[in-house]
Amino acid sequence: MREAMYYRPHEQGLRCSLCPKECIIREGATGFCRVRKNIGNTLYTANYGECSSYALDPIEKKPLYHFYPGSTILSLGTWGCNFSCSFCQNWEIAQEDPKTMKLSPDQAVELARQEKKNRNIGLAYTYSEPSVWYEYVLDTAKAVKQAGMKNVLITNGFINREPLEEILPYIDAMNIDIKAFNKEYYQKVCAGELEDVKETVALASSACHVEITTLLVPGLNDKKDEIEQLTTWLGKINADIPLHFSRYFPNYKMDLPSTPESTMIMAQEIARKQLHYVYLGNLGEKGINTYCPQCDKLVIDRKKWQSEMENRNICPQCKNPIHIIGEVSI
């Protein structure tokens, strides 16, 4: 265990201030996330250096389509989460107690170095919620930066402002889940709050590259009005922020029917009125390519990205700049 950051005394124990839940943790107990424990009136993080999963993934799998496309990234995960989404895709590690291996920050950096030959650009903190792995991610991200590589967070965005501001200088890109654009969904389905996530998106997008993912669940967050509200709000922050609509399939505690393809296409059409880059996930090869937002010319064909990706961040037809961070290479 390692002493946790961001907590303070409370008359009933300790108050954790890492995320907006602000859990009051009594002696011997843990917070909602299950990884922060009060022992002798000191808050400890139980998952420091505990890695439940790691793999070398295409950067597009995160999904990040506009950050070093065609590269790979070494992805690490732990256990625990400050949400309890009914549809969680990684519930075995986020909500259960998986087997883990010890992995120090220096060891993680060395693994990333070894994968440079496979186009690896750095480390991604993903699979479970990286904000509840905060101390480890912060230490590792600093080491990754010193090694000249990139850090990526795949997160639900449910973190307090102060810890977010401390880690952001070491983060190069984030994919932030916006689970829905209504408060009731966040509270009932995810045990979270929309407004806190919105604040994270606004702050992060001014500090690093940001892409957004929204899982469309039939009857819960897929109404036309809600999608319009989401995309209008996001467009006011920056119309170049890529938005990924992901297709829901039954998982964990939720057994609703899968999202119809027609709903996915409808959402993309609505979003393109406000945003330059809108993608569809879990639909095979549909909705994954990048087109020029000005003339609609195909710029990046991800069906062929391993062999025939276009190497340009400017439209070959109208010369409009395409918002791409890093070289497009294979």
C-alpha atoms as a PDB file:
ATOM      1  CA  MET A   1       0.000   0.000   0.000  1.00  0.00           C
ATOM      2  CA  ARG A   2       0.991   3.637  -0.504  1.00  0.00           C
ATOM      3  CA  GLU A   3      -0.350   6.675   1.348  1.00  0.00           C
ATOM      4  CA  ALA A   4      -2.999   8.305  -0.790  1.00  0.00           C
ATOM      5  CA  MET A   5      -3.064  11.874  -1.951  1.00  0.00           C
ATOM      6  CA  TYR A   6      -6.035  14.204  -1.586  1.00  0.00           C
ATOM      7  CA  TYR A   7      -7.728  13.505   1.712  1.00  0.00           C
ATOM      8  CA  ARG A   8      -8.350  15.378   4.946  1.00  0.00           C
ATOM      9  CA  PRO A   9      -9.562  14.672   8.490  1.00  0.00           C
ATOM     10  CA  HIS A  10     -13.272  14.318   9.223  1.00  0.00           C
ATOM     11  CA  GLU A  11     -15.061  13.831  12.527  1.00  0.00           C
ATOM     12  CA  GLN A  12     -16.158  10.375  11.390  1.00  0.00           C
ATOM     13  CA  GLY A  13     -12.798   9.361   9.923  1.00  0.00           C
ATOM     14  CA  LEU A  14     -11.261  10.740   6.720  1.00  0.00           C
ATOM     15  CA  ARG A  15     -12.774  12.560   3.756  1.00  0.00           C
ATOM     16  CA  CYS A  16     -11.304  11.560   0.401  1.00  0.00           C
ATOM     17  CA  SER A  17     -11.152  14.504  -2.011  1.00  0.00           C
ATOM     18  CA  LEU A  18      -9.880  12.737  -5.131  1.00  0.00           C
ATOM     19  CA  CYS A  19     -13.261  12.603  -6.849  1.00  0.00           C
ATOM     20  CA  PRO A  20     -16.570  14.438  -6.419  1.00  0.00           C
ATOM     21  CA  LYS A  21     -18.051  11.646  -4.299  1.00  0.00           C
ATOM     22  CA  GLU A  22     -15.949  13.013  -1.406  1.00  0.00           C
ATOM     23  CA  CYS A  23     -16.341   9.733   0.502  1.00  0.00           C
ATOM     24  CA  ILE A  24     -16.188   9.836   4.289  1.00  0.00           C
ATOM     25  CA  ILE A  25     -14.158   6.748   5.162  1.00  0.00           C
ATOM     26  CA  ARG A  26     -14.261   5.333   8.674  1.00  0.00           C
ATOM     27  CA  GLU A  27     -11.390   3.431  10.292  1.00  0.00           C
ATOM     28  CA  GLY A  28     -10.854   0.111   8.506  1.00  0.00           C
ATOM     29  CA  ALA A  29     -13.266   0.946   5.692  1.00  0.00           C
ATOM     30  CA  THR A  30     -12.788   1.783   2.020  1.00  0.00           C
ATOM     31  CA  GLY A  31     -14.417   4.398  -0.179  1.00  0.00           C
ATOM     32  CA  PHE A  32     -16.885   3.731  -2.986  1.00  0.00           C
ATOM     33  CA  CYS A  33     -14.029   2.892  -5.375  1.00  0.00           C
ATOM     34  CA  ARG A  34     -12.825   0.067  -3.046  1.00  0.00           C
ATOM     35  CA  VAL A  35      -9.167   1.057  -3.396  1.00  0.00           C
ATOM     36  CA  ARG A  36      -8.756   3.847  -0.823  1.00  0.00           C
ATOM     37  CA  LYS A  37      -8.696   2.596   2.766  1.00  0.00           C
ATOM     38  CA  ASN A  38      -8.518   4.273   6.183  1.00  0.00           C
ATOM     39  CA  ILE A  39      -5.882   2.542   8.319  1.00  0.00           C
ATOM     40  CA  GLY A  40      -4.963   4.241  11.578  1.00  0.00           C
ATOM     41  CA  ASN A  41      -6.414   7.547  10.411  1.00  0.00           C
ATOM     42  CA  THR A  42      -4.195   7.543   7.309  1.00  0.00           C
ATOM     43  CA  LEU A  43      -5.679   7.008   3.865  1.00  0.00           C
ATOM     44  CA  TYR A  44      -3.905   4.411   1.764  1.00  0.00           C
ATOM     45  CA  THR A  45      -4.283   3.421  -1.865  1.00  0.00           C
ATOM     46  CA  ALA A  46      -4.491  -0.368  -2.111  1.00  0.00           C
ATOM     47  CA  ASN A  47      -3.814  -0.697  -5.845  1.00  0.00           C
ATOM     48  CA  TYR A  48      -0.521   1.182  -6.243  1.00  0.00           C
ATOM     49  CA  GLY A  49       1.572  -0.789  -8.745  1.00  0.00           C
ATOM     50  CA  GLU A  50      -1.122  -3.481  -9.023  1.00  0.00           C
ATOM     51  CA  CYS A  51      -1.639  -4.204 -12.718  1.00  0.00           C
ATOM     52  CA  SER A  52      -4.605  -6.390 -13.658  1.00  0.00           C
ATOM     53  CA  SER A  53      -4.240  -6.145 -17.439  1.00  0.00           C
ATOM     54  CA  TYR A  54      -1.783  -4.941 -20.047  1.00  0.00           C
ATOM     55  CA  ALA A  55      -1.599  -5.166 -23.815  1.00  0.00           C
ATOM     56  CA  LEU A  56      -0.136  -3.405 -26.821  1.00  0.00           C
ATOM     57  CA  ASP A  57      -3.127  -1.885 -28.624  1.00  0.00           C
ATOM     58  CA  PRO A  58      -3.665   0.196 -31.750  1.00  0.00           C
ATOM     59  CA  ILE A  59      -4.186   3.799 -30.645  1.00  0.00           C
ATOM     60  CA  GLU A  60      -7.512   3.698 -32.515  1.00  0.00           C
ATOM     61  CA  LYS A  61      -8.790   1.086 -30.039  1.00  0.00           C
ATOM     62  CA  LYS A  62      -8.769   3.576 -27.147  1.00  0.00           C
ATOM     63  CA  PRO A  63     -10.534   5.110 -29.189  1.00  0.00           C
ATOM     64  CA  LEU A  64      -8.266   7.945 -30.308  1.00  0.00           C
ATOM     65  CA  TYR A  65      -8.559   8.620 -34.033  1.00  0.00           C
ATOM     66  CA  HIS A  66      -6.790  11.987 -34.192  1.00  0.00           C
ATOM     67  CA  PHE A  67      -3.764  11.311 -31.978  1.00  0.00           C
ATOM     68  CA  TYR A  68      -0.805   9.683 -33.735  1.00  0.00           C
ATOM     69  CA  PRO A  69      -3.024   7.558 -35.985  1.00  0.00           C
ATOM     70  CA  GLY A  70      -1.469   4.285 -37.042  1.00  0.00           C
ATOM     71  CA  SER A  71       0.640   3.998 -33.892  1.00  0.00           C
ATOM     72  CA  THR A  72       0.303   1.588 -30.984  1.00  0.00           C
ATOM     73  CA  ILE A  73       0.241   2.216 -27.251  1.00  0.00           C
ATOM     74  CA  LEU A  74       1.010  -0.027 -24.289  1.00  0.00           C
ATOM     75  CA  SER A  75      -2.182  -0.136 -22.227  1.00  0.00           C
ATOM     76  CA  LEU A  76      -2.308  -0.785 -18.484  1.00  0.00           C
ATOM     77  CA  GLY A  77      -5.223  -1.340 -16.120  1.00  0.00           C
ATOM     78  CA  THR A  78      -5.806  -2.010 -12.431  1.00  0.00           C
ATOM     79  CA  TRP A  79      -8.977  -2.677 -10.402  1.00  0.00           C
ATOM     80  CA  GLY A  80     -11.608  -0.442  -8.843  1.00  0.00           C
ATOM     81  CA  CYS A  81     -13.854   2.345 -10.115  1.00  0.00           C
ATOM     82  CA  ASN A  82     -15.702   5.375  -8.756  1.00  0.00           C
ATOM     83  CA  PHE A  83     -18.710   4.556 -10.969  1.00  0.00           C
ATOM     84  CA  SER A  84     -20.899   1.451 -11.017  1.00  0.00           C
ATOM     85  CA  CYS A  85     -22.225   1.449 -14.581  1.00  0.00           C
ATOM     86  CA  SER A  86     -24.831  -1.261 -15.146  1.00  0.00           C
ATOM     87  CA  PHE A  87     -23.395  -1.970 -18.610  1.00  0.00           C
ATOM     88  CA  CYS A  88     -19.695  -2.037 -17.605  1.00  0.00           C
ATOM     89  CA  GLN A  89     -17.627  -3.818 -20.251  1.00  0.00           C
ATOM     90  CA  ASN A  90     -14.712  -4.466 -17.890  1.00  0.00           C
ATOM     91  CA  TRP A  91     -16.683  -5.313 -14.767  1.00  0.00           C
ATOM     92  CA  GLU A  92     -14.430  -8.259 -13.915  1.00  0.00           C
ATOM     93  CA  ILE A  93     -11.614  -5.842 -13.051  1.00  0.00           C
ATOM     94  CA  ALA A  94     -13.540  -2.643 -12.302  1.00  0.00           C
ATOM     95  CA  GLN A  95     -16.109  -4.165  -9.937  1.00  0.00           C
ATOM     96  CA  GLU A  96     -14.520  -7.462  -8.845  1.00  0.00           C
ATOM     97  CA  ASP A  97     -11.148  -8.514  -7.384  1.00  0.00           C
ATOM     98  CA  PRO A  98      -8.975  -9.750 -10.258  1.00  0.00           C
ATOM     99  CA  LYS A  99      -5.519 -11.234 -10.018  1.00  0.00           C
ATOM    100  CA  THR A 100      -2.800  -8.617 -10.406  1.00  0.00           C
ATOM    101  CA  MET A 101       0.916  -8.417 -11.006  1.00  0.00           C
ATOM    102  CA  LYS A 102       3.334  -5.935  -9.448  1.00  0.00           C
ATOM    103  CA  LEU A 103       4.503  -3.312 -11.926  1.00  0.00           C
ATOM    104  CA  SER A 104       6.549  -0.349 -10.762  1.00  0.00           C
ATOM    105  CA  PRO A 105       6.561   2.921 -12.735  1.00  0.00           C
ATOM    106  CA  ASP A 106      10.115   2.193 -13.924  1.00  0.00           C
ATOM    107  CA  GLN A 107       9.119  -1.304 -15.041  1.00  0.00           C
ATOM    108  CA  ALA A 108       6.139   0.111 -16.943  1.00  0.00           C
ATOM    109  CA  VAL A 109       8.394   2.585 -18.732  1.00  0.00           C
ATOM    110  CA  GLU A 110      10.825  -0.182 -19.646  1.00  0.00           C
ATOM    111  CA  LEU A 111       7.997  -2.279 -21.113  1.00  0.00           C
ATOM    112  CA  ALA A 112       6.943   0.721 -23.188  1.00  0.00           C
ATOM    113  CA  ARG A 113      10.512   1.230 -24.420  1.00  0.00           C
ATOM    114  CA  GLN A 114      10.718  -2.390 -25.499  1.00  0.00           C
ATOM    115  CA  GLU A 115       7.640  -1.933 -27.686  1.00  0.00           C
ATOM    116  CA  LYS A 116       8.974   1.075 -29.597  1.00  0.00           C
ATOM    117  CA  LYS A 117       9.953  -1.310 -32.380  1.00  0.00           C
ATOM    118  CA  ASN A 118       6.224  -1.986 -32.759  1.00  0.00           C
ATOM    119  CA  ARG A 119       5.359   1.712 -33.229  1.00  0.00           C
ATOM    120  CA  ASN A 120       4.550   2.206 -29.536  1.00  0.00           C
ATOM    121  CA  ILE A 121       4.359   5.874 -28.520  1.00  0.00           C
ATOM    122  CA  GLY A 122       3.939   5.440 -24.749  1.00  0.00           C
ATOM    123  CA  LEU A 123       1.476   4.312 -22.106  1.00  0.00           C
ATOM    124  CA  ALA A 124      -2.316   4.393 -21.863  1.00  0.00           C
ATOM    125  CA  TYR A 125      -4.057   4.039 -18.512  1.00  0.00           C
ATOM    126  CA  THR A 126      -7.311   2.260 -19.278  1.00  0.00           C
ATOM    127  CA  TYR A 127      -9.475  -0.878 -18.861  1.00  0.00           C
ATOM    128  CA  SER A 128     -10.573   0.192 -15.359  1.00  0.00           C
ATOM    129  CA  GLU A 129     -10.918   3.818 -14.201  1.00  0.00           C
ATOM    130  CA  PRO A 130      -7.411   5.347 -14.048  1.00  0.00           C
ATOM    131  CA  SER A 131      -8.386   8.171 -11.692  1.00  0.00           C
ATOM    132  CA  VAL A 132      -8.698   5.655  -8.818  1.00  0.00           C
ATOM    133  CA  TRP A 133      -5.130   4.574  -9.667  1.00  0.00           C
ATOM    134  CA  TYR A 134      -4.144   8.200  -9.270  1.00  0.00           C
ATOM    135  CA  GLU A 135      -0.880   7.995  -7.348  1.00  0.00           C
ATOM    136  CA  TYR A 136       0.531   5.280  -9.574  1.00  0.00           C
ATOM    137  CA  VAL A 137      -0.598   6.967 -12.783  1.00  0.00           C
ATOM    138  CA  LEU A 138       0.915  10.285 -11.680  1.00  0.00           C
ATOM    139  CA  ASP A 139       4.276   8.710 -10.810  1.00  0.00           C
ATOM    140  CA  THR A 140       4.337   6.635 -13.986  1.00  0.00           C
ATOM    141  CA  ALA A 141       3.249   9.512 -16.210  1.00  0.00           C
ATOM    142  CA  LYS A 142       6.148  11.611 -14.915  1.00  0.00           C
ATOM    143  CA  ALA A 143       8.587   8.791 -15.703  1.00  0.00           C
ATOM    144  CA  VAL A 144       7.069   8.315 -19.170  1.00  0.00           C
ATOM    145  CA  LYS A 145       7.505  12.021 -19.896  1.00  0.00           C
ATOM    146  CA  GLN A 146      11.136  11.886 -18.806  1.00  0.00           C
ATOM    147  CA  ALA A 147      11.615   8.983 -21.211  1.00  0.00           C
ATOM    148  CA  GLY A 148      10.269  11.097 -24.097  1.00  0.00           C
ATOM    149  CA  MET A 149       7.062   9.126 -24.614  1.00  0.00           C
ATOM    150  CA  LYS A 150       3.342   9.918 -24.472  1.00  0.00           C
ATOM    151  CA  ASN A 151       0.699   9.442 -21.763  1.00  0.00           C
ATOM    152  CA  VAL A 152      -2.956   8.748 -22.513  1.00  0.00           C
ATOM    153  CA  LEU A 153      -5.899   8.552 -20.090  1.00  0.00           C
ATOM    154  CA  ILE A 154      -9.101   6.670 -20.921  1.00  0.00           C
ATOM    155  CA  THR A 155     -11.416   7.940 -18.211  1.00  0.00           C
ATOM    156  CA  ASN A 156     -14.943   8.628 -17.042  1.00  0.00           C
ATOM    157  CA  GLY A 157     -13.823  12.160 -16.202  1.00  0.00           C
ATOM    158  CA  PHE A 158     -15.171  11.991 -12.642  1.00  0.00           C
ATOM    159  CA  ILE A 159     -12.323  13.646 -10.762  1.00  0.00           C
ATOM    160  CA  ASN A 160     -11.983  16.790  -8.694  1.00  0.00           C
ATOM    161  CA  ARG A 161     -10.377  19.861 -10.203  1.00  0.00           C
ATOM    162  CA  GLU A 162      -7.232  20.017  -8.040  1.00  0.00           C
ATOM    163  CA  PRO A 163      -5.967  16.467  -8.735  1.00  0.00           C
ATOM    164  CA  LEU A 164      -6.893  16.876 -12.401  1.00  0.00           C
ATOM    165  CA  GLU A 165      -4.861  20.067 -12.647  1.00  0.00           C
ATOM    166  CA  GLU A 166      -1.893  18.340 -11.004  1.00  0.00           C
ATOM    167  CA  ILE A 167      -1.777  15.458 -13.467  1.00  0.00           C
ATOM    168  CA  LEU A 168      -2.723  17.282 -16.686  1.00  0.00           C
ATOM    169  CA  PRO A 169       0.791  18.632 -17.422  1.00  0.00           C
ATOM    170  CA  TYR A 170       1.928  15.023 -17.886  1.00  0.00           C
ATOM    171  CA  ILE A 171      -1.006  13.888 -20.048  1.00  0.00           C
ATOM    172  CA  ASP A 172      -0.858  14.178 -23.835  1.00  0.00           C
ATOM    173  CA  ALA A 173      -4.307  12.863 -24.748  1.00  0.00           C
ATOM    174  CA  MET A 174      -7.542  11.755 -23.120  1.00  0.00           C
ATOM    175  CA  ASN A 175     -10.625   9.912 -24.214  1.00  0.00           C
ATOM    176  CA  ILE A 176     -13.379  10.944 -21.826  1.00  0.00           C
ATOM    177  CA  ASP A 177     -16.655   9.066 -21.554  1.00  0.00           C
ATOM    178  CA  ILE A 178     -19.757  11.200 -21.520  1.00  0.00           C
ATOM    179  CA  LYS A 179     -22.151   8.458 -20.498  1.00  0.00           C
ATOM    180  CA  ALA A 180     -25.219  10.520 -21.328  1.00  0.00           C
ATOM    181  CA  PHE A 181     -26.322  14.126 -21.372  1.00  0.00           C
ATOM    182  CA  ASN A 182     -28.928  13.858 -18.648  1.00  0.00           C
ATOM    183  CA  LYS A 183     -28.436  13.915 -14.878  1.00  0.00           C
ATOM    184  CA  GLU A 184     -30.896  11.128 -14.108  1.00  0.00           C
ATOM    185  CA  TYR A 185     -28.975   8.623 -16.268  1.00  0.00           C
ATOM    186  CA  TYR A 186     -25.707   9.447 -14.526  1.00  0.00           C
ATOM    187  CA  GLN A 187     -27.237   9.085 -11.082  1.00  0.00           C
ATOM    188  CA  LYS A 188     -29.288   5.933 -11.660  1.00  0.00           C
ATOM    189  CA  VAL A 189     -27.168   3.998 -14.168  1.00  0.00           C
ATOM    190  CA  CYS A 190     -23.627   5.102 -13.286  1.00  0.00           C
ATOM    191  CA  ALA A 191     -23.730   6.505  -9.720  1.00  0.00           C
ATOM    192  CA  GLY A 192     -22.115   9.720 -10.929  1.00  0.00           C
ATOM    193  CA  GLU A 193     -22.823  13.342 -11.814  1.00  0.00           C
ATOM    194  CA  LEU A 194     -22.875  14.849 -15.293  1.00  0.00           C
ATOM    195  CA  GLU A 195     -21.796  18.369 -14.300  1.00  0.00           C
ATOM    196  CA  ASP A 196     -18.501  17.159 -12.848  1.00  0.00           C
ATOM    197  CA  VAL A 197     -17.690  15.299 -16.061  1.00  0.00           C
ATOM    198  CA  LYS A 198     -18.519  18.377 -18.124  1.00  0.00           C
ATOM    199  CA  GLU A 199     -16.058  20.387 -16.052  1.00  0.00           C
ATOM    200  CA  THR A 200     -13.353  17.799 -16.715  1.00  0.00           C
ATOM    201  CA  VAL A 201     -13.974  17.940 -20.470  1.00  0.00           C
ATOM    202  CA  ALA A 202     -13.771  21.728 -20.514  1.00  0.00           C
ATOM    203  CA  LEU A 203     -10.564  21.837 -18.479  1.00  0.00           C
ATOM    204  CA  ALA A 204      -8.824  18.927 -20.216  1.00  0.00           C
ATOM    205  CA  SER A 205      -9.596  20.185 -23.716  1.00  0.00           C
ATOM    206  CA  SER A 206      -7.645  23.356 -22.980  1.00  0.00           C
ATOM    207  CA  ALA A 207      -4.628  21.352 -21.793  1.00  0.00           C
ATOM    208  CA  CYS A 208      -4.260  18.296 -24.055  1.00  0.00           C
ATOM    209  CA  HIS A 209      -5.815  16.451 -26.969  1.00  0.00           C
ATOM    210  CA  VAL A 210      -9.329  15.225 -26.078  1.00  0.00           C
ATOM    211  CA  GLU A 211     -11.755  12.850 -27.754  1.00  0.00           C
ATOM    212  CA  ILE A 212     -15.174  11.886 -26.394  1.00  0.00           C
ATOM    213  CA  THR A 213     -17.023   8.569 -26.324  1.00  0.00           C
ATOM    214  CA  THR A 214     -20.759   8.123 -25.709  1.00  0.00           C
ATOM    215  CA  LEU A 215     -22.290   4.656 -25.508  1.00  0.00           C
ATOM    216  CA  LEU A 216     -25.823   4.884 -26.918  1.00  0.00           C
ATOM    217  CA  VAL A 217     -28.222   2.735 -24.885  1.00  0.00           C
ATOM    218  CA  PRO A 218     -31.704   2.208 -26.373  1.00  0.00           C
ATOM    219  CA  GLY A 219     -34.411   4.163 -24.563  1.00  0.00           C
ATOM    220  CA  LEU A 220     -32.034   5.669 -21.995  1.00  0.00           C
ATOM    221  CA  ASN A 221     -29.748   8.203 -23.691  1.00  0.00           C
ATOM    222  CA  ASP A 222     -30.423   7.931 -27.431  1.00  0.00           C
ATOM    223  CA  LYS A 223     -33.141  10.526 -27.951  1.00  0.00           C
ATOM    224  CA  LYS A 224     -32.664  13.114 -30.676  1.00  0.00           C
ATOM    225  CA  ASP A 225     -33.005  16.075 -28.295  1.00  0.00           C
ATOM    226  CA  GLU A 226     -30.367  14.731 -25.919  1.00  0.00           C
ATOM    227  CA  ILE A 227     -27.901  14.077 -28.728  1.00  0.00           C
ATOM    228  CA  GLU A 228     -28.468  17.609 -30.017  1.00  0.00           C
ATOM    229  CA  GLN A 229     -27.818  19.035 -26.564  1.00  0.00           C
ATOM    230  CA  LEU A 230     -24.621  17.006 -26.174  1.00  0.00           C
ATOM    231  CA  THR A 231     -23.186  17.950 -29.546  1.00  0.00           C
ATOM    232  CA  THR A 232     -24.178  21.617 -29.291  1.00  0.00           C
ATOM    233  CA  TRP A 233     -22.440  21.864 -25.922  1.00  0.00           C
ATOM    234  CA  LEU A 234     -19.342  20.070 -27.187  1.00  0.00           C
ATOM    235  CA  GLY A 235     -19.227  22.178 -30.337  1.00  0.00           C
ATOM    236  CA  LYS A 236     -19.146  25.355 -28.257  1.00  0.00           C
ATOM    237  CA  ILE A 237     -16.029  24.083 -26.504  1.00  0.00           C
ATOM    238  CA  ASN A 238     -14.292  23.082 -29.752  1.00  0.00           C
ATOM    239  CA  ALA A 239     -15.880  21.741 -32.936  1.00  0.00           C
ATOM    240  CA  ASP A 240     -12.628  19.849 -33.667  1.00  0.00           C
ATOM    241  CA  ILE A 241     -13.097  17.525 -30.675  1.00  0.00           C
ATOM    242  CA  PRO A 242     -13.761  14.066 -32.162  1.00  0.00           C
ATOM    243  CA  LEU A 243     -16.899  12.338 -30.857  1.00  0.00           C
ATOM    244  CA  HIS A 244     -17.287   8.554 -30.907  1.00  0.00           C
ATOM    245  CA  PHE A 245     -20.768   7.077 -30.618  1.00  0.00           C
ATOM    246  CA  SER A 246     -20.414   3.486 -29.452  1.00  0.00           C
ATOM    247  CA  ARG A 247     -23.044   0.807 -29.989  1.00  0.00           C
ATOM    248  CA  TYR A 248     -24.352  -0.812 -26.818  1.00  0.00           C
ATOM    249  CA  PHE A 249     -24.545  -4.591 -26.422  1.00  0.00           C
ATOM    250  CA  PRO A 250     -25.965  -6.373 -23.343  1.00  0.00           C
ATOM    251  CA  ASN A 251     -23.327  -6.700 -20.649  1.00  0.00           C
ATOM    252  CA  TYR A 252     -22.876  -7.043 -16.887  1.00  0.00           C
ATOM    253  CA  LYS A 253     -26.210  -6.112 -15.220  1.00  0.00           C
ATOM    254  CA  MET A 254     -27.941  -4.600 -18.256  1.00  0.00           C
ATOM    255  CA  ASP A 255     -29.767  -6.797 -20.781  1.00  0.00           C
ATOM    256  CA  LEU A 256     -31.564  -4.284 -22.997  1.00  0.00           C
ATOM    257  CA  PRO A 257     -31.559  -5.006 -26.749  1.00  0.00           C
ATOM    258  CA  SER A 258     -28.535  -3.837 -28.714  1.00  0.00           C
ATOM    259  CA  THR A 259     -28.564  -0.338 -30.167  1.00  0.00           C
ATOM    260  CA  PRO A 260     -30.160  -0.333 -33.645  1.00  0.00           C
ATOM    261  CA  GLU A 261     -27.844   0.668 -36.459  1.00  0.00           C
ATOM    262  CA  SER A 262     -30.398   3.292 -37.492  1.00  0.00           C
ATOM    263  CA  THR A 263     -30.000   5.008 -34.114  1.00  0.00           C
ATOM    264  CA  MET A 264     -26.248   5.153 -34.562  1.00  0.00           C
ATOM    265  CA  ILE A 265     -26.562   6.712 -38.010  1.00  0.00           C
ATOM    266  CA  MET A 266     -29.142   9.206 -36.747  1.00  0.00           C
ATOM    267  CA  ALA A 267     -26.804  10.282 -33.948  1.00  0.00           C
ATOM    268  CA  GLN A 268     -23.922  10.751 -36.364  1.00  0.00           C
ATOM    269  CA  GLU A 269     -26.036  12.882 -38.703  1.00  0.00           C
ATOM    270  CA  ILE A 270     -27.151  15.114 -35.837  1.00  0.00           C
ATOM    271  CA  ALA A 271     -23.641  15.469 -34.431  1.00  0.00           C
ATOM    272  CA  ARG A 272     -22.106  16.428 -37.767  1.00  0.00           C
ATOM    273  CA  LYS A 273     -24.157  19.624 -37.733  1.00  0.00           C
ATOM    274  CA  GLN A 274     -22.069  20.817 -34.771  1.00  0.00           C
ATOM    275  CA  LEU A 275     -18.840  18.810 -34.873  1.00  0.00           C
ATOM    276  CA  HIS A 276     -16.218  18.225 -37.552  1.00  0.00           C
ATOM    277  CA  TYR A 277     -15.356  14.618 -36.707  1.00  0.00           C
ATOM    278  CA  VAL A 278     -17.972  12.068 -35.638  1.00  0.00           C
ATOM    279  CA  TYR A 279     -17.386   8.308 -35.557  1.00  0.00           C
ATOM    280  CA  LEU A 280     -19.340   5.129 -34.904  1.00  0.00           C
ATOM    281  CA  GLY A 281     -17.996   2.272 -32.779  1.00  0.00           C
ATOM    282  CA  ASN A 282     -18.993  -1.396 -32.521  1.00  0.00           C
ATOM    283  CA  LEU A 283     -20.438  -1.322 -36.049  1.00  0.00           C
ATOM    284  CA  GLY A 284     -17.613  -3.125 -37.783  1.00  0.00           C
ATOM    285  CA  GLU A 285     -16.032  -0.965 -40.465  1.00  0.00           C
ATOM    286  CA  LYS A 286     -18.912   1.512 -40.666  1.00  0.00           C
ATOM    287  CA  GLY A 287     -18.367   5.046 -39.458  1.00  0.00           C
ATOM    288  CA  ILE A 288     -14.628   4.795 -38.743  1.00  0.00           C
ATOM    289  CA  ASN A 289     -13.103   6.902 -41.533  1.00  0.00           C
ATOM    290  CA  THR A 290     -12.058  10.553 -41.390  1.00  0.00           C
ATOM    291  CA  TYR A 291     -13.508  12.950 -43.948  1.00  0.00           C
ATOM    292  CA  CYS A 292     -12.689  16.582 -44.585  1.00  0.00           C
ATOM    293  CA  PRO A 293     -15.274  18.672 -42.702  1.00  0.00           C
ATOM    294  CA  GLN A 294     -15.247  21.237 -45.504  1.00  0.00           C
ATOM    295  CA  CYS A 295     -15.512  19.211 -48.739  1.00  0.00           C
ATOM    296  CA  ASP A 296     -16.228  15.681 -47.402  1.00  0.00           C
ATOM    297  CA  LYS A 297     -13.172  14.178 -49.106  1.00  0.00           C
ATOM    298  CA  LEU A 298     -11.968  10.875 -47.609  1.00  0.00           C
ATOM    299  CA  VAL A 299      -8.736  11.699 -45.759  1.00  0.00           C
ATOM    300  CA  ILE A 300      -8.017   8.631 -43.602  1.00  0.00           C
ATOM    301  CA  ASP A 301      -9.312   5.225 -44.620  1.00  0.00           C
ATOM    302  CA  ARG A 302      -9.122   3.153 -41.436  1.00  0.00           C
ATOM    303  CA  LYS A 303     -10.319   0.037 -43.174  1.00  0.00           C
ATOM    304  CA  LYS A 304      -6.844  -0.052 -44.682  1.00  0.00           C
ATOM    305  CA  TRP A 305      -4.872   1.747 -41.975  1.00  0.00           C
ATOM    306  CA  GLN A 306      -2.283  -0.997 -41.582  1.00  0.00           C
ATOM    307  CA  SER A 307      -1.162  -0.744 -45.177  1.00  0.00           C
ATOM    308  CA  GLU A 308      -2.633   2.232 -47.005  1.00  0.00           C
ATOM    309  CA  MET A 309      -3.255   5.047 -44.507  1.00  0.00           C
ATOM    310  CA  GLU A 310      -3.014   8.506 -46.046  1.00  0.00           C
ATOM    311  CA  ASN A 311      -0.016  10.381 -44.636  1.00  0.00           C
ATOM    312  CA  ARG A 312      -1.452  13.891 -44.406  1.00  0.00           C
ATOM    313  CA  ASN A 313      -3.129  16.286 -42.008  1.00  0.00           C
ATOM    314  CA  ILE A 314      -4.470  18.487 -44.761  1.00  0.00           C
ATOM    315  CA  CYS A 315      -7.263  17.699 -47.164  1.00  0.00           C
ATOM    316  CA  PRO A 316      -5.756  16.616 -50.517  1.00  0.00           C
ATOM    317  CA  GLN A 317      -8.715  18.147 -52.361  1.00  0.00           C
ATOM    318  CA  CYS A 318      -9.545  21.530 -50.798  1.00  0.00           C
ATOM    319  CA  LYS A 319      -6.409  21.978 -48.619  1.00  0.00           C
ATOM    320  CA  ASN A 320      -8.475  22.448 -45.480  1.00  0.00           C
ATOM    321  CA  PRO A 321      -6.440  21.567 -42.343  1.00  0.00           C
ATOM    322  CA  ILE A 322      -7.422  18.285 -40.693  1.00  0.00           C
ATOM    323  CA  HIS A 323      -7.122  18.266 -36.909  1.00  0.00           C
ATOM    324  CA  ILE A 324      -4.518  15.537 -36.350  1.00  0.00           C
ATOM    325  CA  ILE A 325      -2.016  15.467 -33.481  1.00  0.00           C
ATOM    326  CA  GLY A 326       1.261  13.762 -34.390  1.00  0.00           C
ATOM    327  CA  GLU A 327       2.486  12.263 -37.610  1.00  0.00           C
ATOM    328  CA  VAL A 328       0.181   9.878 -39.443  1.00  0.00           C
ATOM    329  CA  SER A 329       2.474   6.932 -39.973  1.00  0.00           C
ATOM    330  CA  ILE A 330       2.459   3.165 -40.136  1.00  0.00           C
END
